[in-house]
N, C-alpha and C. Protein backbone atom coordinates (compact mmCIF):
# COMPACT_ATOMS: atom_id res chain seq x y z
N SER A 1 3.27 1.12 -11.13
CA SER A 1 3.91 1.36 -9.89
C SER A 1 2.81 1.74 -8.94
N ILE A 2 3.08 1.69 -7.65
CA ILE A 2 2.10 2.00 -6.52
C ILE A 2 2.68 3.07 -5.65
N ASN A 3 1.88 4.12 -5.45
CA ASN A 3 2.28 5.23 -4.57
C ASN A 3 1.22 5.38 -3.51
N VAL A 4 1.66 5.94 -2.36
CA VAL A 4 0.69 6.16 -1.20
C VAL A 4 0.85 7.59 -0.83
N ASN A 5 -0.28 8.27 -0.75
CA ASN A 5 -0.25 9.65 -0.31
C ASN A 5 -1.01 9.82 1.02
N GLN A 6 -0.49 10.38 2.01
CA GLN A 6 -1.15 10.51 3.28
C GLN A 6 -2.09 11.71 3.19
N LEU A 7 -3.40 11.52 3.35
CA LEU A 7 -4.30 12.55 3.29
C LEU A 7 -4.64 13.19 4.71
N GLY A 8 -4.40 12.36 5.82
CA GLY A 8 -4.68 12.84 7.08
C GLY A 8 -4.12 11.79 8.08
N TYR A 9 -4.11 12.25 9.32
CA TYR A 9 -3.66 11.46 10.48
C TYR A 9 -4.39 11.86 11.70
N ASP A 10 -5.16 11.01 12.36
CA ASP A 10 -5.89 11.44 13.56
C ASP A 10 -6.18 10.20 14.42
N ASN A 11 -5.78 10.22 15.70
CA ASN A 11 -6.12 9.26 16.70
C ASN A 11 -5.57 7.86 16.21
N LEU A 12 -4.33 7.76 15.82
CA LEU A 12 -3.71 6.45 15.38
C LEU A 12 -4.35 5.89 14.17
N THR A 13 -4.94 6.77 13.31
CA THR A 13 -5.51 6.36 12.11
C THR A 13 -5.09 7.31 11.00
N TYR A 14 -4.53 6.65 9.86
CA TYR A 14 -4.15 7.32 8.69
C TYR A 14 -5.31 7.26 7.66
N SER A 15 -5.49 8.35 6.95
CA SER A 15 -6.26 8.28 5.70
C SER A 15 -5.30 8.34 4.53
N LEU A 16 -5.38 7.22 3.70
CA LEU A 16 -4.41 7.18 2.65
C LEU A 16 -5.13 7.04 1.29
N GLU A 17 -4.44 7.61 0.31
CA GLU A 17 -4.90 7.39 -1.10
C GLU A 17 -3.78 6.67 -1.83
N ILE A 18 -4.14 5.56 -2.40
CA ILE A 18 -3.25 4.61 -3.18
C ILE A 18 -3.45 4.92 -4.66
N THR A 19 -2.32 5.23 -5.34
CA THR A 19 -2.37 5.51 -6.80
C THR A 19 -1.60 4.34 -7.50
N VAL A 20 -2.25 3.74 -8.51
CA VAL A 20 -1.62 2.60 -9.21
C VAL A 20 -1.51 3.02 -10.71
N THR A 21 -0.33 2.98 -11.23
CA THR A 21 -0.15 3.27 -12.66
C THR A 21 0.55 2.20 -13.45
N ASP A 22 0.39 2.15 -14.78
CA ASP A 22 1.01 1.06 -15.55
C ASP A 22 2.39 1.54 -15.89
N GLY A 23 3.13 0.74 -16.70
CA GLY A 23 4.51 0.96 -17.10
C GLY A 23 4.75 2.22 -17.67
N SER A 24 3.67 2.88 -18.38
CA SER A 24 3.86 4.11 -19.02
C SER A 24 3.43 5.29 -18.14
N GLY A 25 3.08 5.07 -16.83
CA GLY A 25 2.69 6.16 -16.02
C GLY A 25 1.23 6.52 -16.08
N ASN A 26 0.45 5.72 -16.76
CA ASN A 26 -1.04 6.02 -16.86
C ASN A 26 -1.77 5.28 -15.79
N PRO A 27 -2.95 5.88 -15.29
CA PRO A 27 -3.73 5.19 -14.30
C PRO A 27 -4.18 3.85 -14.83
N VAL A 28 -4.16 2.85 -14.01
CA VAL A 28 -4.70 1.62 -14.37
C VAL A 28 -6.19 1.59 -14.60
N PRO A 29 -6.76 0.68 -15.31
CA PRO A 29 -8.23 0.65 -15.53
C PRO A 29 -9.09 0.57 -14.30
N ASP A 30 -10.21 1.29 -14.30
CA ASP A 30 -11.13 1.28 -13.18
C ASP A 30 -11.41 -0.23 -12.90
N GLY A 31 -11.50 -0.55 -11.52
CA GLY A 31 -11.85 -1.85 -11.08
C GLY A 31 -10.70 -2.79 -10.90
N THR A 32 -9.39 -2.18 -11.10
CA THR A 32 -8.16 -2.95 -10.74
C THR A 32 -8.12 -3.17 -9.30
N GLY A 33 -7.84 -4.42 -8.94
CA GLY A 33 -7.73 -4.81 -7.49
C GLY A 33 -6.46 -4.45 -6.84
N ILE A 34 -6.59 -4.02 -5.53
CA ILE A 34 -5.46 -3.70 -4.78
C ILE A 34 -5.54 -4.47 -3.46
N ARG A 35 -4.58 -5.24 -3.08
CA ARG A 35 -4.57 -5.93 -1.81
C ARG A 35 -3.63 -5.21 -0.79
N ILE A 36 -4.10 -5.03 0.34
CA ILE A 36 -3.29 -4.27 1.41
C ILE A 36 -3.09 -5.21 2.61
N ASN A 37 -1.81 -5.50 2.94
CA ASN A 37 -1.41 -6.24 4.11
C ASN A 37 -0.49 -5.38 4.95
N SER A 38 -0.44 -5.77 6.25
CA SER A 38 0.49 -4.97 7.17
C SER A 38 1.15 -5.88 8.18
N SER A 39 2.35 -5.37 8.65
CA SER A 39 2.99 -6.14 9.71
C SER A 39 2.42 -5.71 11.19
N TYR A 40 1.65 -4.56 11.05
CA TYR A 40 1.18 -4.02 12.38
C TYR A 40 0.11 -3.05 11.98
N GLY A 41 -1.03 -3.04 12.66
CA GLY A 41 -2.18 -2.24 12.27
C GLY A 41 -3.14 -2.91 11.34
N VAL A 42 -4.28 -2.23 11.08
CA VAL A 42 -5.22 -2.83 10.24
C VAL A 42 -5.72 -1.89 9.09
N ALA A 43 -5.74 -2.43 7.88
CA ALA A 43 -6.11 -1.66 6.78
C ALA A 43 -7.62 -1.91 6.54
N LYS A 44 -8.35 -0.82 6.29
CA LYS A 44 -9.78 -0.98 6.08
C LYS A 44 -10.12 -0.11 4.83
N PRO A 45 -10.59 -0.78 3.69
CA PRO A 45 -10.56 -2.27 3.51
C PRO A 45 -9.17 -2.81 3.23
N SER A 46 -9.15 -4.14 3.33
CA SER A 46 -7.83 -4.86 3.05
C SER A 46 -7.87 -5.17 1.58
N PHE A 47 -8.90 -5.04 0.82
CA PHE A 47 -8.96 -5.21 -0.67
C PHE A 47 -9.82 -4.02 -1.16
N ALA A 48 -9.28 -3.30 -2.17
CA ALA A 48 -9.99 -2.14 -2.72
C ALA A 48 -9.90 -2.28 -4.31
N VAL A 49 -10.65 -1.51 -5.05
CA VAL A 49 -10.57 -1.42 -6.51
C VAL A 49 -10.38 0.03 -6.82
N THR A 50 -9.68 0.25 -8.00
CA THR A 50 -9.41 1.65 -8.29
C THR A 50 -10.51 2.21 -9.10
N LYS A 51 -10.50 3.62 -9.01
CA LYS A 51 -11.28 4.47 -9.88
C LYS A 51 -10.40 5.59 -10.25
N ASN A 52 -10.25 5.82 -11.60
CA ASN A 52 -9.25 6.78 -12.08
C ASN A 52 -7.81 6.48 -11.54
N GLY A 53 -7.55 5.16 -11.36
CA GLY A 53 -6.23 4.74 -10.80
C GLY A 53 -6.02 4.96 -9.43
N LYS A 54 -7.03 5.27 -8.66
CA LYS A 54 -6.89 5.54 -7.18
C LYS A 54 -7.85 4.82 -6.35
N ALA A 55 -7.47 4.55 -5.07
CA ALA A 55 -8.35 3.93 -4.04
C ALA A 55 -7.97 4.65 -2.72
N SER A 56 -8.99 4.78 -1.81
CA SER A 56 -8.77 5.37 -0.62
C SER A 56 -9.03 4.25 0.45
N ILE A 57 -8.17 4.33 1.56
CA ILE A 57 -8.30 3.48 2.66
C ILE A 57 -8.06 4.14 3.96
N LYS A 58 -8.40 3.53 5.07
CA LYS A 58 -8.01 3.88 6.39
C LYS A 58 -7.13 2.89 6.92
N PHE A 59 -6.04 3.27 7.68
CA PHE A 59 -5.04 2.41 8.27
C PHE A 59 -4.88 2.73 9.65
N ALA A 60 -5.31 1.82 10.59
CA ALA A 60 -5.33 2.15 12.02
C ALA A 60 -4.57 1.17 12.94
N SER A 61 -4.26 1.67 14.09
CA SER A 61 -3.58 0.88 15.09
C SER A 61 -4.25 1.13 16.47
N MET A 62 -4.07 0.20 17.42
CA MET A 62 -4.48 0.48 18.73
C MET A 62 -3.47 1.10 19.68
N LYS A 63 -2.17 1.16 19.18
CA LYS A 63 -1.15 1.70 19.96
C LYS A 63 -0.04 2.23 18.96
N ALA A 64 0.94 2.98 19.57
CA ALA A 64 2.03 3.56 18.84
C ALA A 64 3.00 2.43 18.35
N GLY A 65 3.68 2.68 17.22
CA GLY A 65 4.67 1.73 16.70
C GLY A 65 4.88 1.96 15.28
N SER A 66 5.75 1.12 14.71
CA SER A 66 6.07 1.22 13.24
C SER A 66 5.28 0.10 12.52
N ALA A 67 4.82 0.44 11.31
CA ALA A 67 4.08 -0.56 10.53
C ALA A 67 4.65 -0.62 9.04
N VAL A 68 4.76 -1.76 8.55
CA VAL A 68 5.09 -1.92 7.13
C VAL A 68 3.86 -2.32 6.39
N LEU A 69 3.45 -1.45 5.52
CA LEU A 69 2.26 -1.63 4.67
C LEU A 69 2.68 -2.18 3.35
N SER A 70 2.16 -3.41 3.05
CA SER A 70 2.50 -4.04 1.81
C SER A 70 1.31 -3.92 0.83
N ILE A 71 1.48 -3.32 -0.28
CA ILE A 71 0.32 -3.14 -1.21
C ILE A 71 0.68 -3.81 -2.51
N SER A 72 -0.29 -4.67 -3.00
CA SER A 72 -0.08 -5.43 -4.20
C SER A 72 -1.20 -5.09 -5.17
N SER A 73 -0.74 -5.06 -6.44
CA SER A 73 -1.72 -4.93 -7.59
C SER A 73 -1.15 -5.70 -8.76
N GLY A 74 -1.88 -6.64 -9.23
CA GLY A 74 -1.30 -7.47 -10.32
C GLY A 74 -0.03 -8.19 -9.80
N THR A 75 1.08 -8.04 -10.63
CA THR A 75 2.31 -8.59 -10.26
C THR A 75 3.28 -7.64 -9.38
N VAL A 76 2.70 -6.45 -9.14
CA VAL A 76 3.56 -5.44 -8.43
C VAL A 76 3.17 -5.34 -7.00
N THR A 77 4.27 -5.44 -6.21
CA THR A 77 4.17 -5.25 -4.67
C THR A 77 5.07 -4.27 -4.20
N GLN A 78 4.70 -3.35 -3.43
CA GLN A 78 5.56 -2.28 -2.89
C GLN A 78 5.21 -2.14 -1.40
N GLU A 79 6.34 -1.82 -0.59
CA GLU A 79 6.12 -1.65 0.82
C GLU A 79 6.38 -0.19 1.18
N PHE A 80 5.64 0.25 2.20
CA PHE A 80 5.68 1.53 2.81
C PHE A 80 5.75 1.41 4.29
N THR A 81 6.62 2.26 4.91
CA THR A 81 6.68 2.24 6.40
C THR A 81 5.91 3.53 6.88
N LEU A 82 5.05 3.21 7.87
CA LEU A 82 4.32 4.28 8.58
C LEU A 82 4.54 4.18 10.04
N GLU A 83 4.56 5.39 10.67
CA GLU A 83 4.74 5.39 12.17
C GLU A 83 3.47 5.83 12.80
N PHE A 84 3.03 5.14 13.74
CA PHE A 84 1.87 5.52 14.61
C PHE A 84 2.44 6.12 15.84
N GLN A 85 1.98 7.32 16.23
CA GLN A 85 2.57 8.09 17.35
C GLN A 85 1.40 8.50 18.31
């Protein structure tokens, strides 16, 4: 599974921590790839690798609005909605 934790929000930029676990709830191996796409805004980086099952990214926009963040790792894809205010 994939979970996103918001670590901070400042000036239309989110600091996010992505956690990826296997079917048993254990962190995936270090170096597991995560691809980040969005309907609105820019993820930096758009591809990251895990360490202890986690990766950190910044997600930014130039203006207010709703964004759907689509995160994929292996065969799992999950979507998360974020609001830029």
